Amino acid sequence: MEYSTPAFSEDTRATLDLYVKLLKTWQKNINLIGNSTLEHIWERHIIDSAQLFKLLPKEVKGSFVYDVGSGGGFPGVVLSLMGRQDIVLCEANKKKCLFLEEARQKLGINVIVDNIRAEKLPISNGNTVLARAVAPLKKLIKISLPMLNNNGIAIFPKGKNWKTELNFAQKYFYIEYDLVKSITSSDSYIIIIKKAEKKIEKK
C-alpha cells in the first residue's frame, strides 16, 4: 500500500509553521528531536507524521488515539492540527510534557497531555495506539495490546530494520498486519497491527 504526500490547508500550514518555531525554541534547552534532523524537520517529522492521518480509523466517542512516547509531539500534535479531536499525548518526561502543554495552548488544539508511562494507561479504551521512534516492535505490541479495544489497531512507523523487528516480534506473537510504504523514506514502512495474540511459551 502507498499514499501520496499529505496536502495541508493554508491555515494548517501556518499553524504548523508556528509549531516548528516553538519546537526549535524549546529544542535549545530540551532534546525534543535529534539535532541532526532540525534542518529537515518538515520531511523527517511533519510529513512523516502527517502520512499517518489517512490510516487512522474513524473517531469513536469515548475512545482515544494514544500517542505513546509523544516527545516533541510527533505524530500526535501534527494529526491534531489536521483535524483529529481524540488524541492523547502520552509522555513520561515532565519537561517534554511542559512543551506539549504549551504547544496545546498556543496552537489551540484539542488534545490531552498526559504525563504518564504507557504501561499505566487505561485498559481497553484505545481506538488506536501510535508510537514513532519509541521502542522495538515486540515491546510496542506488548505495551499496546492491553490499551486497545476489540476493534482497535496499532500504527507503528518503522525504519530500514522494520523486517528484522517484525520477524523477531512474530516469534512471540501471532500478528495480523498490513504494511504501508513510507512516503519519506524508501527503506521505511508503516506497520499496522490489526490483531496480535501472545504465543504460549514452550517449557
N, C-alpha and C. Protein backbone atom coordinates (compact mmCIF):
# COMPACT_ATOMS: atom_id res chain seq x y z
N MET A 1 0.84 -1.20 0.00
CA MET A 1 0.00 0.00 0.00
C MET A 1 0.87 1.25 0.00
N GLU A 2 0.43 2.26 -0.75
CA GLU A 2 1.17 3.52 -0.79
C GLU A 2 0.20 4.70 -0.71
N TYR A 3 0.68 5.81 -0.18
CA TYR A 3 -0.13 7.02 -0.09
C TYR A 3 0.64 8.20 -0.64
N SER A 4 -0.10 9.18 -1.13
CA SER A 4 0.54 10.38 -1.67
C SER A 4 0.87 11.35 -0.54
N THR A 5 1.66 12.35 -0.85
CA THR A 5 2.06 13.35 0.14
C THR A 5 0.83 14.09 0.66
N PRO A 6 0.69 14.22 1.99
CA PRO A 6 -0.48 14.91 2.55
C PRO A 6 -0.55 16.36 2.10
N ALA A 7 -1.75 16.84 1.86
CA ALA A 7 -1.95 18.24 1.47
C ALA A 7 -2.47 19.01 2.69
N PHE A 8 -1.85 20.15 2.99
CA PHE A 8 -2.26 20.97 4.12
C PHE A 8 -3.00 22.20 3.62
N SER A 9 -4.05 22.59 4.36
CA SER A 9 -4.72 23.86 4.05
C SER A 9 -3.78 24.99 4.46
N GLU A 10 -4.09 26.21 3.99
CA GLU A 10 -3.25 27.37 4.33
C GLU A 10 -3.21 27.58 5.84
N ASP A 11 -4.37 27.45 6.48
CA ASP A 11 -4.43 27.65 7.93
C ASP A 11 -3.61 26.60 8.67
N THR A 12 -3.73 25.35 8.23
CA THR A 12 -2.97 24.28 8.88
C THR A 12 -1.48 24.48 8.67
N ARG A 13 -1.11 24.86 7.47
CA ARG A 13 0.30 25.10 7.17
C ARG A 13 0.86 26.22 8.06
N ALA A 14 0.08 27.29 8.23
CA ALA A 14 0.52 28.41 9.06
C ALA A 14 0.68 27.97 10.52
N THR A 15 -0.24 27.16 11.00
CA THR A 15 -0.16 26.69 12.38
C THR A 15 1.01 25.72 12.55
N LEU A 16 1.26 24.90 11.55
CA LEU A 16 2.42 24.02 11.59
C LEU A 16 3.73 24.81 11.64
N ASP A 17 3.76 25.93 10.92
CA ASP A 17 4.94 26.80 10.96
C ASP A 17 5.17 27.33 12.39
N LEU A 18 4.07 27.70 13.06
CA LEU A 18 4.18 28.16 14.45
C LEU A 18 4.70 27.04 15.35
N TYR A 19 4.20 25.85 15.11
CA TYR A 19 4.63 24.67 15.87
C TYR A 19 6.13 24.44 15.71
N VAL A 20 6.61 24.53 14.47
CA VAL A 20 8.03 24.33 14.21
C VAL A 20 8.88 25.38 14.93
N LYS A 21 8.43 26.63 14.89
CA LYS A 21 9.16 27.71 15.59
C LYS A 21 9.21 27.46 17.09
N LEU A 22 8.07 27.05 17.65
CA LEU A 22 8.00 26.77 19.08
C LEU A 22 8.93 25.61 19.44
N LEU A 23 8.91 24.57 18.63
CA LEU A 23 9.76 23.41 18.89
C LEU A 23 11.24 23.78 18.84
N LYS A 24 11.61 24.58 17.86
CA LYS A 24 13.02 24.97 17.73
C LYS A 24 13.47 25.81 18.92
N THR A 25 12.56 26.61 19.47
CA THR A 25 12.89 27.42 20.66
C THR A 25 13.14 26.51 21.86
N TRP A 26 12.25 25.55 22.06
CA TRP A 26 12.40 24.62 23.19
C TRP A 26 13.58 23.66 22.99
N GLN A 27 13.89 23.36 21.75
CA GLN A 27 14.97 22.42 21.43
C GLN A 27 16.31 22.90 21.98
N LYS A 28 16.45 24.20 22.16
CA LYS A 28 17.70 24.75 22.68
C LYS A 28 17.97 24.29 24.11
N ASN A 29 16.93 23.93 24.83
CA ASN A 29 17.07 23.51 26.24
C ASN A 29 16.66 22.07 26.50
N ILE A 30 15.80 21.52 25.64
CA ILE A 30 15.32 20.15 25.81
C ILE A 30 15.48 19.40 24.49
N ASN A 31 15.97 18.18 24.55
CA ASN A 31 16.15 17.40 23.33
C ASN A 31 14.83 16.76 22.92
N LEU A 32 14.05 17.49 22.12
CA LEU A 32 12.75 17.01 21.66
C LEU A 32 12.87 16.15 20.41
N ILE A 33 13.80 16.50 19.54
CA ILE A 33 14.10 15.72 18.34
C ILE A 33 15.61 15.70 18.15
N GLY A 34 16.08 14.80 17.30
CA GLY A 34 17.52 14.77 17.05
C GLY A 34 17.99 16.05 16.38
N ASN A 35 19.04 16.65 16.91
CA ASN A 35 19.54 17.91 16.35
C ASN A 35 19.89 17.80 14.87
N SER A 36 20.31 16.61 14.45
CA SER A 36 20.70 16.41 13.04
C SER A 36 19.49 16.49 12.10
N THR A 37 18.27 16.40 12.67
CA THR A 37 17.06 16.43 11.83
C THR A 37 16.41 17.81 11.78
N LEU A 38 16.97 18.77 12.51
CA LEU A 38 16.34 20.10 12.60
C LEU A 38 16.21 20.77 11.24
N GLU A 39 17.24 20.64 10.40
CA GLU A 39 17.22 21.30 9.09
C GLU A 39 16.20 20.66 8.14
N HIS A 40 15.83 19.43 8.43
CA HIS A 40 14.89 18.71 7.56
C HIS A 40 13.61 18.36 8.32
N ILE A 41 13.20 19.25 9.21
CA ILE A 41 12.10 18.94 10.13
C ILE A 41 10.78 18.67 9.41
N TRP A 42 10.55 19.33 8.29
CA TRP A 42 9.29 19.11 7.57
C TRP A 42 9.20 17.69 7.02
N GLU A 43 10.25 17.26 6.35
CA GLU A 43 10.22 15.91 5.77
C GLU A 43 10.37 14.85 6.84
N ARG A 44 11.33 15.03 7.76
CA ARG A 44 11.66 13.99 8.73
C ARG A 44 10.59 13.83 9.81
N HIS A 45 9.88 14.92 10.11
CA HIS A 45 8.94 14.86 11.24
C HIS A 45 7.50 15.25 10.88
N ILE A 46 7.32 16.39 10.22
CA ILE A 46 5.96 16.86 9.93
C ILE A 46 5.27 15.93 8.92
N ILE A 47 5.85 15.78 7.74
CA ILE A 47 5.23 14.95 6.70
C ILE A 47 5.23 13.49 7.11
N ASP A 48 6.30 13.06 7.78
CA ASP A 48 6.38 11.68 8.25
C ASP A 48 5.23 11.36 9.22
N SER A 49 4.84 12.35 10.02
CA SER A 49 3.71 12.19 10.94
C SER A 49 2.39 12.32 10.21
N ALA A 50 2.30 13.30 9.32
CA ALA A 50 1.03 13.59 8.62
C ALA A 50 0.56 12.42 7.76
N GLN A 51 1.48 11.62 7.25
CA GLN A 51 1.09 10.50 6.39
C GLN A 51 0.27 9.45 7.14
N LEU A 52 0.27 9.50 8.47
CA LEU A 52 -0.49 8.54 9.26
C LEU A 52 -1.97 8.90 9.33
N PHE A 53 -2.31 10.13 8.97
CA PHE A 53 -3.68 10.62 9.12
C PHE A 53 -4.70 9.72 8.41
N LYS A 54 -4.39 9.35 7.17
CA LYS A 54 -5.32 8.54 6.37
C LYS A 54 -5.42 7.10 6.87
N LEU A 55 -4.51 6.71 7.71
CA LEU A 55 -4.51 5.34 8.22
C LEU A 55 -5.33 5.19 9.49
N LEU A 56 -5.69 6.31 10.09
CA LEU A 56 -6.44 6.27 11.35
C LEU A 56 -7.90 5.86 11.11
N PRO A 57 -8.47 5.07 12.02
CA PRO A 57 -9.90 4.74 11.92
C PRO A 57 -10.74 5.96 12.28
N LYS A 58 -12.04 5.90 12.02
CA LYS A 58 -12.92 7.00 12.37
C LYS A 58 -12.93 7.21 13.88
N GLU A 59 -13.18 8.46 14.27
CA GLU A 59 -13.25 8.77 15.69
C GLU A 59 -14.48 8.09 16.31
N VAL A 60 -14.30 7.60 17.53
CA VAL A 60 -15.38 6.94 18.26
C VAL A 60 -15.51 7.61 19.62
N LYS A 61 -16.71 8.04 19.96
CA LYS A 61 -16.94 8.72 21.23
C LYS A 61 -16.53 7.84 22.40
N GLY A 62 -15.75 8.40 23.31
CA GLY A 62 -15.32 7.65 24.48
C GLY A 62 -14.10 6.79 24.26
N SER A 63 -13.55 6.84 23.05
CA SER A 63 -12.35 6.06 22.73
C SER A 63 -11.27 7.02 22.24
N PHE A 64 -10.02 6.65 22.43
CA PHE A 64 -8.93 7.59 22.17
C PHE A 64 -7.84 7.03 21.26
N VAL A 65 -7.09 7.95 20.68
CA VAL A 65 -5.86 7.62 19.96
C VAL A 65 -4.70 7.99 20.88
N TYR A 66 -3.96 6.99 21.31
CA TYR A 66 -2.86 7.22 22.23
C TYR A 66 -1.54 7.35 21.47
N ASP A 67 -0.93 8.52 21.58
CA ASP A 67 0.40 8.75 21.00
C ASP A 67 1.41 8.47 22.10
N VAL A 68 1.96 7.27 22.09
CA VAL A 68 2.84 6.81 23.16
C VAL A 68 4.26 7.34 22.96
N GLY A 69 4.83 7.88 24.03
CA GLY A 69 6.17 8.46 23.93
C GLY A 69 6.18 9.64 22.98
N SER A 70 5.21 10.53 23.17
CA SER A 70 4.96 11.61 22.21
C SER A 70 6.16 12.54 22.03
N GLY A 71 6.94 12.76 23.08
CA GLY A 71 8.16 13.57 22.96
C GLY A 71 7.89 14.99 22.51
N GLY A 72 8.31 15.31 21.28
CA GLY A 72 8.08 16.64 20.73
C GLY A 72 6.71 16.80 20.08
N GLY A 73 5.87 15.75 20.19
CA GLY A 73 4.51 15.84 19.66
C GLY A 73 4.31 15.17 18.32
N PHE A 74 5.28 14.33 17.94
CA PHE A 74 5.16 13.61 16.67
C PHE A 74 4.79 12.16 16.94
N PRO A 75 3.70 11.68 16.37
CA PRO A 75 2.86 12.35 15.36
C PRO A 75 1.63 13.07 15.90
N GLY A 76 1.35 12.96 17.21
CA GLY A 76 0.08 13.41 17.76
C GLY A 76 -0.32 14.85 17.51
N VAL A 77 0.62 15.79 17.70
CA VAL A 77 0.30 17.20 17.50
C VAL A 77 -0.04 17.47 16.04
N VAL A 78 0.74 16.91 15.14
CA VAL A 78 0.51 17.09 13.71
C VAL A 78 -0.88 16.57 13.32
N LEU A 79 -1.22 15.40 13.80
CA LEU A 79 -2.52 14.79 13.47
C LEU A 79 -3.67 15.61 14.06
N SER A 80 -3.45 16.19 15.23
CA SER A 80 -4.47 17.07 15.82
C SER A 80 -4.67 18.33 14.99
N LEU A 81 -3.57 18.89 14.50
CA LEU A 81 -3.66 20.07 13.65
C LEU A 81 -4.36 19.76 12.33
N MET A 82 -4.34 18.50 11.93
CA MET A 82 -5.01 18.09 10.69
C MET A 82 -6.49 17.76 10.92
N GLY A 83 -6.91 17.82 12.20
CA GLY A 83 -8.34 17.68 12.46
C GLY A 83 -8.78 16.63 13.46
N ARG A 84 -7.88 15.77 13.92
CA ARG A 84 -8.29 14.77 14.90
C ARG A 84 -8.58 15.43 16.25
N GLN A 85 -9.66 14.94 16.89
CA GLN A 85 -10.10 15.50 18.17
C GLN A 85 -9.98 14.50 19.31
N ASP A 86 -9.36 13.36 19.06
CA ASP A 86 -9.39 12.26 20.03
C ASP A 86 -8.01 11.80 20.47
N ILE A 87 -7.01 12.67 20.37
CA ILE A 87 -5.64 12.25 20.62
C ILE A 87 -5.17 12.57 22.04
N VAL A 88 -4.53 11.59 22.65
CA VAL A 88 -3.89 11.75 23.95
C VAL A 88 -2.38 11.66 23.75
N LEU A 89 -1.68 12.72 24.12
CA LEU A 89 -0.23 12.74 24.02
C LEU A 89 0.34 12.17 25.32
N CYS A 90 0.90 10.98 25.25
CA CYS A 90 1.39 10.27 26.44
C CYS A 90 2.91 10.41 26.51
N GLU A 91 3.39 11.04 27.57
CA GLU A 91 4.81 11.29 27.68
C GLU A 91 5.23 11.21 29.16
N ALA A 92 6.24 10.37 29.44
CA ALA A 92 6.69 10.16 30.81
C ALA A 92 7.60 11.29 31.32
N ASN A 93 8.23 12.02 30.39
CA ASN A 93 9.16 13.07 30.76
C ASN A 93 8.41 14.38 31.06
N LYS A 94 8.55 14.88 32.27
CA LYS A 94 7.79 16.07 32.69
C LYS A 94 8.13 17.31 31.88
N LYS A 95 9.41 17.49 31.56
CA LYS A 95 9.81 18.67 30.80
C LYS A 95 9.21 18.65 29.39
N LYS A 96 9.19 17.48 28.80
CA LYS A 96 8.58 17.36 27.46
C LYS A 96 7.08 17.62 27.54
N CYS A 97 6.46 17.22 28.64
CA CYS A 97 5.03 17.48 28.83
C CYS A 97 4.76 18.98 28.94
N LEU A 98 5.68 19.71 29.53
CA LEU A 98 5.53 21.17 29.61
C LEU A 98 5.53 21.77 28.21
N PHE A 99 6.42 21.26 27.36
CA PHE A 99 6.42 21.71 25.97
C PHE A 99 5.10 21.38 25.28
N LEU A 100 4.65 20.15 25.45
CA LEU A 100 3.40 19.72 24.80
C LEU A 100 2.21 20.54 25.28
N GLU A 101 2.21 20.88 26.55
CA GLU A 101 1.12 21.69 27.10
C GLU A 101 1.15 23.11 26.51
N GLU A 102 2.35 23.67 26.37
CA GLU A 102 2.45 25.00 25.76
C GLU A 102 2.03 24.94 24.29
N ALA A 103 2.42 23.88 23.59
CA ALA A 103 2.00 23.71 22.20
C ALA A 103 0.48 23.61 22.11
N ARG A 104 -0.12 22.87 23.02
CA ARG A 104 -1.58 22.72 23.04
C ARG A 104 -2.27 24.08 23.18
N GLN A 105 -1.76 24.89 24.09
CA GLN A 105 -2.37 26.19 24.35
C GLN A 105 -2.13 27.18 23.22
N LYS A 106 -0.90 27.28 22.76
CA LYS A 106 -0.56 28.28 21.75
C LYS A 106 -1.10 27.94 20.36
N LEU A 107 -1.21 26.64 20.08
CA LEU A 107 -1.71 26.24 18.76
C LEU A 107 -3.22 26.05 18.76
N GLY A 108 -3.82 26.04 19.95
CA GLY A 108 -5.28 25.92 20.05
C GLY A 108 -5.80 24.57 19.60
N ILE A 109 -5.08 23.50 19.94
CA ILE A 109 -5.51 22.17 19.50
C ILE A 109 -6.21 21.42 20.63
N ASN A 110 -7.13 20.56 20.25
CA ASN A 110 -7.92 19.79 21.20
C ASN A 110 -7.25 18.44 21.45
N VAL A 111 -6.25 18.44 22.32
CA VAL A 111 -5.57 17.21 22.71
C VAL A 111 -5.48 17.14 24.22
N ILE A 112 -5.24 15.95 24.72
CA ILE A 112 -4.98 15.75 26.14
C ILE A 112 -3.49 15.46 26.29
N VAL A 113 -2.83 16.18 27.19
CA VAL A 113 -1.43 15.93 27.50
C VAL A 113 -1.38 15.14 28.81
N ASP A 114 -0.82 13.94 28.76
CA ASP A 114 -0.81 13.07 29.94
C ASP A 114 0.62 12.68 30.29
N ASN A 115 1.08 13.15 31.46
CA ASN A 115 2.42 12.80 31.95
C ASN A 115 2.35 11.41 32.59
N ILE A 116 2.53 10.39 31.76
CA ILE A 116 2.29 9.02 32.20
C ILE A 116 3.10 8.03 31.37
N ARG A 117 3.47 6.93 31.99
CA ARG A 117 4.10 5.85 31.24
C ARG A 117 3.00 5.04 30.56
N ALA A 118 3.28 4.53 29.39
CA ALA A 118 2.27 3.83 28.60
C ALA A 118 1.69 2.64 29.35
N GLU A 119 2.52 1.97 30.16
CA GLU A 119 2.06 0.80 30.88
C GLU A 119 0.96 1.12 31.89
N LYS A 120 0.81 2.39 32.25
CA LYS A 120 -0.18 2.78 33.26
C LYS A 120 -1.43 3.41 32.65
N LEU A 121 -1.53 3.39 31.33
CA LEU A 121 -2.71 3.95 30.66
C LEU A 121 -3.92 3.05 30.86
N PRO A 122 -5.14 3.60 30.72
CA PRO A 122 -6.36 2.80 30.91
C PRO A 122 -6.41 1.61 29.97
N ILE A 123 -7.08 0.57 30.43
CA ILE A 123 -7.19 -0.67 29.66
C ILE A 123 -8.42 -0.64 28.75
N SER A 124 -8.23 -1.08 27.52
CA SER A 124 -9.32 -1.38 26.57
C SER A 124 -10.16 -0.19 26.11
N ASN A 125 -9.64 1.03 26.17
CA ASN A 125 -10.43 2.13 25.60
C ASN A 125 -9.66 2.88 24.52
N GLY A 126 -8.68 2.20 23.94
CA GLY A 126 -7.92 2.79 22.86
C GLY A 126 -8.46 2.41 21.49
N ASN A 127 -8.77 3.41 20.69
CA ASN A 127 -9.17 3.19 19.31
C ASN A 127 -7.93 2.84 18.48
N THR A 128 -6.83 3.55 18.82
CA THR A 128 -5.56 3.38 18.12
C THR A 128 -4.41 3.68 19.07
N VAL A 129 -3.31 2.97 18.89
CA VAL A 129 -2.07 3.30 19.57
C VAL A 129 -1.04 3.66 18.50
N LEU A 130 -0.40 4.80 18.69
CA LEU A 130 0.66 5.26 17.79
C LEU A 130 1.97 5.31 18.57
N ALA A 131 3.06 5.01 17.91
CA ALA A 131 4.37 5.18 18.53
C ALA A 131 5.39 5.36 17.43
N ARG A 132 6.13 6.43 17.53
CA ARG A 132 7.11 6.76 16.49
C ARG A 132 8.49 6.90 17.14
N ALA A 133 9.41 6.04 16.73
CA ALA A 133 10.79 6.07 17.24
C ALA A 133 10.82 5.97 18.76
N VAL A 134 10.08 4.99 19.29
CA VAL A 134 9.98 4.84 20.74
C VAL A 134 10.66 3.57 21.23
N ALA A 135 10.35 2.43 20.61
CA ALA A 135 10.85 1.14 21.09
C ALA A 135 10.77 0.11 19.97
N PRO A 136 11.43 -1.04 20.13
CA PRO A 136 11.31 -2.12 19.14
C PRO A 136 9.86 -2.62 19.05
N LEU A 137 9.52 -3.21 17.92
CA LEU A 137 8.14 -3.62 17.65
C LEU A 137 7.60 -4.60 18.71
N LYS A 138 8.42 -5.56 19.12
CA LYS A 138 7.96 -6.54 20.12
C LYS A 138 7.48 -5.83 21.38
N LYS A 139 8.24 -4.87 21.87
CA LYS A 139 7.86 -4.14 23.08
C LYS A 139 6.62 -3.29 22.84
N LEU A 140 6.53 -2.68 21.68
CA LEU A 140 5.37 -1.84 21.37
C LEU A 140 4.08 -2.66 21.35
N ILE A 141 4.16 -3.85 20.78
CA ILE A 141 2.97 -4.71 20.75
C ILE A 141 2.57 -5.10 22.16
N LYS A 142 3.55 -5.46 22.98
CA LYS A 142 3.27 -5.84 24.36
C LYS A 142 2.62 -4.69 25.13
N ILE A 143 3.09 -3.47 24.90
CA ILE A 143 2.54 -2.29 25.59
C ILE A 143 1.13 -1.97 25.10
N SER A 144 0.93 -2.07 23.79
CA SER A 144 -0.32 -1.59 23.20
C SER A 144 -1.50 -2.53 23.38
N LEU A 145 -1.25 -3.83 23.44
CA LEU A 145 -2.35 -4.80 23.50
C LEU A 145 -3.37 -4.53 24.61
N PRO A 146 -2.94 -4.27 25.85
CA PRO A 146 -3.93 -4.02 26.91
C PRO A 146 -4.73 -2.73 26.71
N MET A 147 -4.17 -1.77 25.98
CA MET A 147 -4.80 -0.46 25.83
C MET A 147 -5.91 -0.45 24.79
N LEU A 148 -5.87 -1.39 23.84
CA LEU A 148 -6.77 -1.35 22.69
C LEU A 148 -8.11 -2.02 22.98
N ASN A 149 -9.18 -1.44 22.41
CA ASN A 149 -10.48 -2.10 22.49
C ASN A 149 -10.53 -3.22 21.44
N ASN A 150 -11.66 -3.90 21.35
CA ASN A 150 -11.76 -5.08 20.48
C ASN A 150 -11.46 -4.79 19.02
N ASN A 151 -11.82 -3.58 18.57
CA ASN A 151 -11.60 -3.22 17.17
C ASN A 151 -10.39 -2.30 16.98
N GLY A 152 -9.63 -2.10 18.05
CA GLY A 152 -8.52 -1.16 18.00
C GLY A 152 -7.35 -1.66 17.17
N ILE A 153 -6.57 -0.72 16.65
CA ILE A 153 -5.38 -1.06 15.87
C ILE A 153 -4.18 -0.29 16.41
N ALA A 154 -3.00 -0.74 16.06
CA ALA A 154 -1.77 -0.04 16.41
C ALA A 154 -1.03 0.33 15.12
N ILE A 155 -0.50 1.54 15.08
CA ILE A 155 0.20 2.03 13.88
C ILE A 155 1.61 2.43 14.28
N PHE A 156 2.59 1.71 13.74
CA PHE A 156 3.98 1.93 14.12
C PHE A 156 4.85 2.18 12.89
N PRO A 157 5.27 3.42 12.65
CA PRO A 157 6.23 3.68 11.57
C PRO A 157 7.60 3.08 11.94
N LYS A 158 8.21 2.41 10.99
CA LYS A 158 9.50 1.78 11.26
C LYS A 158 10.49 2.08 10.14
N GLY A 159 11.77 2.14 10.51
CA GLY A 159 12.83 2.45 9.55
C GLY A 159 13.33 1.22 8.81
N LYS A 160 14.58 1.28 8.39
CA LYS A 160 15.13 0.26 7.50
C LYS A 160 15.19 -1.14 8.13
N ASN A 161 15.13 -1.22 9.46
CA ASN A 161 15.18 -2.52 10.13
C ASN A 161 13.80 -3.08 10.42
N TRP A 162 12.77 -2.57 9.73
CA TRP A 162 11.40 -2.97 10.03
C TRP A 162 11.18 -4.48 9.90
N LYS A 163 11.80 -5.09 8.88
CA LYS A 163 11.57 -6.52 8.65
C LYS A 163 12.19 -7.36 9.76
N THR A 164 13.37 -6.96 10.22
CA THR A 164 14.02 -7.66 11.32
C THR A 164 13.18 -7.58 12.59
N GLU A 165 12.66 -6.38 12.86
CA GLU A 165 11.81 -6.19 14.04
C GLU A 165 10.53 -7.02 13.93
N LEU A 166 9.95 -7.06 12.75
CA LEU A 166 8.71 -7.80 12.55
C LEU A 166 8.95 -9.31 12.73
N ASN A 167 10.02 -9.81 12.13
CA ASN A 167 10.33 -11.23 12.26
C ASN A 167 10.57 -11.62 13.72
N PHE A 168 11.24 -10.76 14.45
CA PHE A 168 11.52 -11.04 15.87
C PHE A 168 10.21 -11.03 16.68
N ALA A 169 9.35 -10.04 16.42
CA ALA A 169 8.08 -9.95 17.14
C ALA A 169 7.20 -11.16 16.88
N GLN A 170 7.30 -11.70 15.67
CA GLN A 170 6.47 -12.86 15.30
C GLN A 170 6.91 -14.14 16.02
N LYS A 171 8.05 -14.12 16.66
CA LYS A 171 8.44 -15.26 17.48
C LYS A 171 7.63 -15.32 18.77
N TYR A 172 7.09 -14.16 19.15
CA TYR A 172 6.38 -14.06 20.43
C TYR A 172 4.88 -13.81 20.29
N PHE A 173 4.46 -13.33 19.10
CA PHE A 173 3.06 -13.00 18.88
C PHE A 173 2.57 -13.54 17.53
N TYR A 174 1.31 -13.97 17.51
CA TYR A 174 0.62 -14.20 16.23
C TYR A 174 0.12 -12.82 15.80
N ILE A 175 0.53 -12.37 14.65
CA ILE A 175 0.24 -10.99 14.25
C ILE A 175 -0.50 -10.94 12.92
N GLU A 176 -1.60 -10.20 12.91
CA GLU A 176 -2.30 -9.88 11.66
C GLU A 176 -1.99 -8.42 11.37
N TYR A 177 -1.39 -8.15 10.23
CA TYR A 177 -0.89 -6.79 9.98
C TYR A 177 -0.99 -6.40 8.50
N ASP A 178 -0.91 -5.08 8.28
CA ASP A 178 -0.76 -4.52 6.94
C ASP A 178 0.53 -3.72 6.90
N LEU A 179 1.12 -3.60 5.72
CA LEU A 179 2.30 -2.78 5.53
C LEU A 179 1.98 -1.63 4.58
N VAL A 180 2.39 -0.44 4.96
CA VAL A 180 2.23 0.74 4.10
C VAL A 180 3.60 1.36 3.89
N LYS A 181 3.98 1.54 2.65
CA LYS A 181 5.29 2.11 2.34
C LYS A 181 5.33 3.58 2.74
N SER A 182 6.37 3.97 3.45
CA SER A 182 6.52 5.36 3.87
C SER A 182 6.78 6.25 2.66
N ILE A 183 6.25 7.48 2.71
CA ILE A 183 6.49 8.43 1.62
C ILE A 183 7.74 9.28 1.87
N THR A 184 8.35 9.11 3.06
CA THR A 184 9.51 9.95 3.38
C THR A 184 10.83 9.19 3.32
N SER A 185 10.76 7.85 3.17
CA SER A 185 11.98 7.06 3.07
C SER A 185 11.70 5.77 2.32
N SER A 186 12.53 5.48 1.33
CA SER A 186 12.33 4.28 0.52
C SER A 186 12.58 3.00 1.31
N ASP A 187 13.29 3.11 2.43
CA ASP A 187 13.61 1.94 3.25
C ASP A 187 12.62 1.70 4.37
N SER A 188 11.68 2.63 4.55
CA SER A 188 10.80 2.59 5.72
C SER A 188 9.38 2.14 5.38
N TYR A 189 8.77 1.48 6.36
CA TYR A 189 7.38 1.05 6.23
C TYR A 189 6.61 1.38 7.51
N ILE A 190 5.31 1.53 7.34
CA ILE A 190 4.41 1.70 8.48
C ILE A 190 3.73 0.36 8.72
N ILE A 191 3.89 -0.18 9.92
CA ILE A 191 3.29 -1.46 10.26
C ILE A 191 1.98 -1.20 11.00
N ILE A 192 0.88 -1.69 10.43
CA ILE A 192 -0.43 -1.54 11.06
C ILE A 192 -0.82 -2.88 11.65
N ILE A 193 -0.85 -2.94 12.97
CA ILE A 193 -1.19 -4.17 13.67
C ILE A 193 -2.71 -4.22 13.85
N LYS A 194 -3.35 -5.16 13.17
CA LYS A 194 -4.82 -5.29 13.27
C LYS A 194 -5.22 -6.23 14.40
N LYS A 195 -4.42 -7.26 14.59
CA LYS A 195 -4.65 -8.19 15.69
C LYS A 195 -3.31 -8.78 16.11
N ALA A 196 -3.18 -9.04 17.40
CA ALA A 196 -1.96 -9.69 17.90
C ALA A 196 -2.33 -10.53 19.12
N GLU A 197 -1.78 -11.71 19.16
CA GLU A 197 -2.05 -12.62 20.28
C GLU A 197 -0.73 -13.23 20.73
N LYS A 198 -0.50 -13.18 22.03
CA LYS A 198 0.75 -13.71 22.56
C LYS A 198 0.82 -15.21 22.40
N LYS A 199 1.97 -15.70 21.94
CA LYS A 199 2.17 -17.14 21.80
C LYS A 199 2.46 -17.73 23.17
N ILE A 200 2.03 -18.97 23.35
CA ILE A 200 2.31 -19.68 24.60
C ILE A 200 3.75 -20.17 24.55
N GLU A 201 4.53 -19.73 25.54
CA GLU A 201 5.94 -20.12 25.56
C GLU A 201 6.09 -21.59 25.91
N LYS A 202 6.93 -22.25 25.13
CA LYS A 202 7.19 -23.68 25.38
C LYS A 202 8.13 -23.84 26.55
N LYS A 203 7.80 -24.77 27.42
CA LYS A 203 8.65 -25.01 28.59
C LYS A 203 9.79 -25.96 28.25
